Amino acid sequence: MRFINPAFRLFDCASWPMALALCLSLGLYGMPLRADQPMRIGMIGLDTSHAPAFAKLINQAPAESPLAKLRITAAFPGGSEDLPTSRDRVEGFTNDLRNLDVEIVSSIDKLLPKVDAILLESVDGRKHLHQALPVFKSGKPMFIDKPLAAELTDAIAIDLLGKHYKARWFSSSSLRFSPSIIRYRSPDMAGKVLGASAWSPCSLDPTHSDLFWYGIHGVESLYTAMGVGCQQVVRISTPDTDVVVGTWQDGRIGSFRGLRAKTTGYGLVVFGADKIETDAKYEG
């Protein structure tokens, strides 16, 4: 994955909306924009609750919010007939965006000339490689919502294509920017996180491999605290639970527990050099 700008530091962002606004804005650095008008955002995939949620968050933002400089102006509904989560919701969410004065178009090719940046929101990760390619070619910055892909080969292909086209893009769970978690990425925490254990809901779908469908939230929390460098992974899976243990290159150990039983939730335990801290808040 290519970050929008090397000067962008995760811990500078106080919230997920602010991080999204900053990333897309930095992605447009050097591109001609009209100073008197907001950045035009296009949306691909209206088959997820994230589509109307983001549209309301951005288009109804108060004037003092950083999101007031953005506007969802056009969208391509997309959808997957063989995935009920997509098929049964795309029409309703499309109508929600129409009611927010978002123009609905019939293809990605018709969408791209109308906007400055893209939110790829399709709930079906199998679609993302095909949908991301024309955006990469266009040179417009893009956020790809979870799941990045439905399997590892597609995720690698997206990364390679992004590098080939020198694309400005990123993908993450909103929990990466949770204030109680992102603090572990600040410079004064360097070397102080000795290990961590995260948990989150982890429902499965037969169209997506393993943790791809919903495991991202807990995994994102774990990586936000631990940083990159996981070298070895061991997984235990039962119908109700996944437990994944990773060993980092410096010998630290991090674990993720994916929950599918009746009682689920989000949380993180960080084993620090000075103390052990527990965070069980969802601040995405």
Protein backbone atom coordinates (compact mmCIF):
# COMPACT_ATOMS: atom_id res chain seq x y z
CA MET A 1 0.00 0.00 0.00
CA ARG A 2 1.24 3.49 -0.85
CA PHE A 3 0.45 6.12 1.76
CA ILE A 4 -0.85 9.41 0.45
CA ASN A 5 2.07 11.48 1.73
CA PRO A 6 5.20 10.50 3.70
CA ALA A 7 4.67 13.49 6.00
CA PHE A 8 1.28 12.16 7.10
CA ARG A 9 1.45 10.76 10.64
CA LEU A 10 -1.40 8.65 11.95
CA PHE A 11 -1.21 10.06 15.45
CA ASP A 12 -1.81 13.61 14.13
CA CYS A 13 -5.44 12.71 13.45
CA ALA A 14 -7.95 12.97 16.26
CA SER A 15 -10.69 11.05 14.46
CA TRP A 16 -11.49 8.81 11.52
CA PRO A 17 -13.37 11.56 9.58
CA MET A 18 -10.45 13.95 10.00
CA ALA A 19 -8.00 11.27 8.83
CA LEU A 20 -10.13 10.57 5.76
CA ALA A 21 -10.34 14.26 4.89
CA LEU A 22 -6.59 14.72 5.37
CA CYS A 23 -5.63 11.67 3.30
CA LEU A 24 -7.82 12.62 0.36
CA SER A 25 -6.69 16.24 0.53
CA LEU A 26 -3.01 15.29 0.56
CA GLY A 27 -3.68 12.91 -2.31
CA LEU A 28 -4.77 15.88 -4.39
CA TYR A 29 -1.60 17.85 -3.66
CA GLY A 30 -0.36 19.34 -6.92
CA MET A 31 -3.63 18.75 -8.77
CA PRO A 32 -5.65 21.76 -10.00
CA LEU A 33 -8.69 22.39 -7.79
CA ARG A 34 -11.17 25.23 -7.59
CA ALA A 35 -10.39 27.11 -4.40
CA ASP A 36 -13.94 28.39 -4.02
CA GLN A 37 -15.59 24.95 -4.15
CA PRO A 38 -15.31 21.76 -2.06
CA MET A 39 -13.41 18.73 -3.27
CA ARG A 40 -15.77 16.52 -5.29
CA ILE A 41 -15.84 12.95 -3.98
CA GLY A 42 -17.20 10.06 -6.02
CA MET A 43 -18.42 6.82 -4.47
CA ILE A 44 -18.21 3.33 -5.97
CA GLY A 45 -20.50 0.71 -4.42
CA LEU A 46 -23.72 1.64 -2.64
CA ASP A 47 -24.41 -1.81 -1.18
CA THR A 48 -23.06 -1.09 2.30
CA SER A 49 -24.31 1.00 5.20
CA HIS A 50 -21.02 2.88 4.99
CA ALA A 51 -22.26 4.58 1.80
CA PRO A 52 -25.14 6.60 3.31
CA ALA A 53 -23.23 7.00 6.57
CA PHE A 54 -20.24 8.62 4.84
CA ALA A 55 -22.50 10.68 2.57
CA LYS A 56 -24.38 12.12 5.57
CA LEU A 57 -21.18 12.65 7.54
CA ILE A 58 -19.55 14.58 4.69
CA ASN A 59 -22.46 16.36 3.01
CA GLN A 60 -24.06 17.45 6.27
CA ALA A 61 -20.84 18.42 8.05
CA PRO A 62 -20.87 21.70 10.00
CA ALA A 63 -18.96 24.59 8.45
CA GLU A 64 -16.13 24.40 11.00
CA SER A 65 -15.47 20.68 10.32
CA PRO A 66 -12.58 19.62 8.03
CA LEU A 67 -15.19 17.55 6.18
CA ALA A 68 -16.91 20.75 5.05
CA LYS A 69 -14.17 21.00 2.41
CA LEU A 70 -15.41 17.74 0.85
CA ARG A 71 -18.66 16.83 -0.90
CA ILE A 72 -20.03 13.53 -2.18
CA THR A 73 -21.30 14.62 -5.59
CA ALA A 74 -21.72 11.45 -7.67
CA ALA A 75 -21.89 7.68 -7.17
CA PHE A 76 -22.01 4.37 -9.04
CA PRO A 77 -24.23 1.81 -7.22
CA GLY A 78 -22.55 -1.44 -8.32
CA GLY A 79 -23.76 -4.50 -6.44
CA SER A 80 -23.38 -8.30 -6.49
CA GLU A 81 -26.36 -10.51 -7.34
CA ASP A 82 -24.82 -13.60 -5.70
CA LEU A 83 -24.19 -11.88 -2.36
CA PRO A 84 -27.42 -11.21 -0.41
CA THR A 85 -25.71 -8.61 1.79
CA SER A 86 -25.13 -6.61 -1.38
CA ARG A 87 -28.14 -7.51 -3.55
CA ASP A 88 -30.77 -6.84 -0.90
CA ARG A 89 -29.45 -3.43 0.15
CA VAL A 90 -28.09 -1.63 -2.90
CA GLU A 91 -31.43 -0.18 -4.05
CA GLY A 92 -32.32 1.28 -0.66
CA PHE A 93 -28.89 2.80 -0.08
CA THR A 94 -28.89 4.22 -3.61
CA ASN A 95 -32.16 5.99 -2.84
CA ASP A 96 -30.63 7.32 0.38
CA LEU A 97 -27.86 8.99 -1.62
CA ARG A 98 -30.32 10.39 -4.16
CA ASN A 99 -32.11 12.03 -1.24
CA LEU A 100 -28.79 13.68 -0.33
CA ASP A 101 -28.60 15.21 -3.83
CA VAL A 102 -25.90 12.81 -5.00
CA GLU A 103 -25.95 12.16 -8.75
CA ILE A 104 -26.26 8.44 -9.59
CA VAL A 105 -24.36 7.28 -12.68
CA SER A 106 -24.38 3.99 -14.58
CA SER A 107 -20.65 3.16 -14.67
CA ILE A 108 -17.26 3.93 -13.18
CA ASP A 109 -16.16 5.41 -16.51
CA LYS A 110 -18.99 7.96 -16.27
CA LEU A 111 -18.20 8.67 -12.63
CA LEU A 112 -14.49 9.49 -12.89
CA PRO A 113 -14.71 12.70 -15.00
CA LYS A 114 -17.19 14.17 -12.51
CA VAL A 115 -15.06 13.89 -9.35
CA ASP A 116 -11.66 14.65 -7.82
CA ALA A 117 -11.27 11.60 -5.54
CA ILE A 118 -12.90 8.21 -4.91
CA LEU A 119 -14.33 6.26 -1.98
CA LEU A 120 -14.50 2.60 -3.08
CA GLU A 121 -17.19 1.25 -0.76
CA SER A 122 -18.43 -1.98 -2.39
CA VAL A 123 -19.19 -4.50 0.36
CA ASP A 124 -18.03 -7.34 -1.91
CA GLY A 125 -14.24 -7.55 -1.79
CA ARG A 126 -14.26 -9.67 -4.96
CA LYS A 127 -15.17 -6.52 -6.90
CA HIS A 128 -12.39 -4.31 -5.62
CA LEU A 129 -9.55 -5.28 -7.97
CA HIS A 130 -11.69 -4.70 -11.07
CA GLN A 131 -13.20 -1.48 -9.68
CA ALA A 132 -9.90 -0.04 -8.46
CA LEU A 133 -8.06 -0.43 -11.77
CA PRO A 134 -9.75 2.44 -13.69
CA VAL A 135 -9.31 4.69 -10.66
CA PHE A 136 -5.59 3.89 -10.54
CA LYS A 137 -5.35 4.68 -14.25
CA SER A 138 -7.15 8.00 -13.74
CA GLY A 139 -4.61 9.22 -11.19
CA LYS A 140 -7.29 10.18 -8.68
CA PRO A 141 -6.66 9.44 -4.97
CA MET A 142 -8.77 6.66 -3.50
CA PHE A 143 -9.84 5.12 -0.21
CA ILE A 144 -10.72 1.40 -0.46
CA ASP A 145 -13.04 0.35 2.34
CA LYS A 146 -12.90 -3.03 4.00
CA PRO A 147 -12.60 -5.73 2.92
CA LEU A 148 -9.65 -4.73 0.73
CA ALA A 149 -10.19 -7.95 -1.24
CA ALA A 150 -11.77 -11.37 -0.88
CA GLU A 151 -8.49 -13.27 -1.03
CA LEU A 152 -4.75 -12.69 -0.75
CA THR A 153 -4.00 -12.84 -4.48
CA ASP A 154 -6.37 -9.95 -5.21
CA ALA A 155 -4.95 -7.90 -2.32
CA ILE A 156 -1.42 -8.38 -3.68
CA ALA A 157 -2.61 -7.49 -7.20
CA ILE A 158 -4.20 -4.26 -5.94
CA ASP A 159 -0.94 -3.34 -4.21
CA LEU A 160 1.15 -4.08 -7.32
CA LEU A 161 -1.19 -2.14 -9.61
CA GLY A 162 -1.15 0.78 -7.22
CA LYS A 163 2.65 0.84 -7.36
CA HIS A 164 2.64 0.47 -11.16
CA TYR A 165 0.38 3.50 -11.61
CA LYS A 166 2.05 5.43 -8.74
CA ALA A 167 -1.41 5.65 -7.21
CA ARG A 168 -2.32 7.57 -4.08
CA TRP A 169 -4.55 5.24 -2.08
CA PHE A 170 -5.05 3.62 1.28
CA SER A 171 -7.29 1.07 2.99
CA SER A 172 -8.05 0.51 6.64
CA SER A 173 -10.58 -0.10 9.35
CA SER A 174 -11.73 3.05 11.10
CA LEU A 175 -10.28 1.59 14.30
CA ARG A 176 -6.81 2.51 13.05
CA PHE A 177 -7.73 6.08 13.99
CA SER A 178 -9.42 5.34 17.32
CA PRO A 179 -7.93 7.90 19.78
CA SER A 180 -7.43 5.28 22.49
CA ILE A 181 -5.51 3.01 20.10
CA ILE A 182 -3.62 5.38 17.82
CA ARG A 183 -1.74 6.84 20.78
CA TYR A 184 0.46 3.74 20.71
CA ARG A 185 1.91 4.98 17.40
CA SER A 186 3.18 8.25 18.86
CA PRO A 187 6.99 8.72 19.06
CA ASP A 188 7.03 8.67 22.86
CA MET A 189 5.61 5.11 22.77
CA ALA A 190 8.42 3.78 20.55
CA GLY A 191 9.86 0.61 22.05
CA LYS A 192 7.36 0.54 24.89
CA VAL A 193 4.78 -1.85 23.38
CA LEU A 194 6.08 -5.33 24.20
CA GLY A 195 3.00 -7.20 22.99
CA ALA A 196 -0.74 -6.88 22.45
CA SER A 197 -3.94 -8.89 22.21
CA ALA A 198 -7.00 -7.64 20.29
CA TRP A 199 -10.52 -8.98 19.84
CA SER A 200 -13.48 -8.09 17.64
CA PRO A 201 -16.49 -9.62 15.86
CA CYS A 202 -15.38 -11.93 13.05
CA SER A 203 -18.35 -13.20 11.05
CA LEU A 204 -17.53 -15.30 7.98
CA ASP A 205 -18.92 -15.38 4.43
CA PRO A 206 -18.38 -18.23 1.95
CA THR A 207 -17.41 -15.75 -0.79
CA HIS A 208 -14.44 -14.43 1.21
CA SER A 209 -11.41 -16.24 2.62
CA ASP A 210 -10.94 -16.63 6.36
CA LEU A 211 -10.72 -13.27 8.17
CA PHE A 212 -11.18 -11.12 5.05
CA TRP A 213 -14.92 -10.58 5.51
CA TYR A 214 -14.99 -8.96 8.95
CA GLY A 215 -11.82 -9.72 10.91
CA ILE A 216 -10.15 -6.47 9.86
CA HIS A 217 -11.31 -4.42 12.86
CA GLY A 218 -9.48 -6.40 15.51
CA VAL A 219 -6.48 -7.05 13.27
CA GLU A 220 -6.24 -3.31 12.55
CA SER A 221 -6.24 -2.56 16.28
CA LEU A 222 -3.46 -5.09 16.81
CA TYR A 223 -1.26 -3.71 14.02
CA THR A 224 -1.87 -0.13 15.10
CA ALA A 225 -0.45 -0.95 18.52
CA MET A 226 2.30 -3.35 17.39
CA GLY A 227 3.38 -1.81 14.09
CA VAL A 228 4.54 -3.79 11.06
CA GLY A 229 6.95 -6.70 11.11
CA CYS A 230 4.89 -9.84 11.76
CA GLN A 231 6.93 -12.79 10.47
CA GLN A 232 5.07 -15.94 11.53
CA VAL A 233 1.38 -16.72 12.10
CA VAL A 234 -0.40 -19.64 13.77
CA ARG A 235 -4.20 -19.91 13.63
CA ILE A 236 -6.74 -22.02 15.51
CA SER A 237 -10.32 -21.95 14.21
CA THR A 238 -13.62 -23.32 15.55
CA PRO A 239 -17.20 -22.49 14.51
CA ASP A 240 -17.46 -19.76 17.17
CA THR A 241 -13.90 -18.46 17.41
CA ASP A 242 -10.67 -17.75 15.58
CA VAL A 243 -7.44 -17.26 17.51
CA VAL A 244 -4.44 -16.02 15.52
CA VAL A 245 -1.01 -15.57 17.10
CA GLY A 246 1.77 -13.69 15.33
CA THR A 247 5.47 -13.43 16.10
CA TRP A 248 7.12 -10.13 15.12
CA GLN A 249 10.65 -9.89 13.74
CA ASP A 250 11.92 -8.44 17.03
CA GLY A 251 10.49 -11.35 19.05
CA ARG A 252 7.33 -9.63 20.26
CA ILE A 253 4.06 -11.58 20.19
CA GLY A 254 0.63 -10.24 19.24
CA SER A 255 -2.68 -12.08 19.06
CA PHE A 256 -6.16 -11.60 17.62
CA ARG A 257 -9.35 -13.30 18.83
CA GLY A 258 -12.22 -13.29 16.32
CA LEU A 259 -15.65 -13.70 17.93
CA ARG A 260 -18.70 -15.33 16.32
CA ALA A 261 -20.71 -16.44 19.37
CA LYS A 262 -23.70 -14.52 20.75
CA THR A 263 -21.54 -12.19 22.86
CA THR A 264 -19.04 -10.15 20.87
CA GLY A 265 -17.30 -6.81 21.23
CA TYR A 266 -14.14 -4.85 20.51
CA GLY A 267 -11.06 -4.46 22.66
CA LEU A 268 -7.30 -4.36 23.00
CA VAL A 269 -4.84 -5.23 25.76
CA VAL A 270 -1.38 -3.71 25.40
CA PHE A 271 1.51 -5.20 27.37
CA GLY A 272 3.77 -2.20 27.84
CA ALA A 273 7.25 -1.76 29.25
CA ASP A 274 5.82 0.22 32.16
CA LYS A 275 2.25 -1.06 32.54
CA ILE A 276 -0.52 -3.20 31.07
CA GLU A 277 -3.45 -1.26 29.61
CA THR A 278 -6.88 -2.44 28.45
CA ASP A 279 -9.08 -0.59 25.99
CA ALA A 280 -12.55 -1.95 25.22
CA LYS A 281 -14.10 1.00 23.40
CA TYR A 282 -15.25 1.19 19.79
CA GLU A 283 -14.28 4.65 18.55
CA GLY A 284 -14.32 4.08 14.79
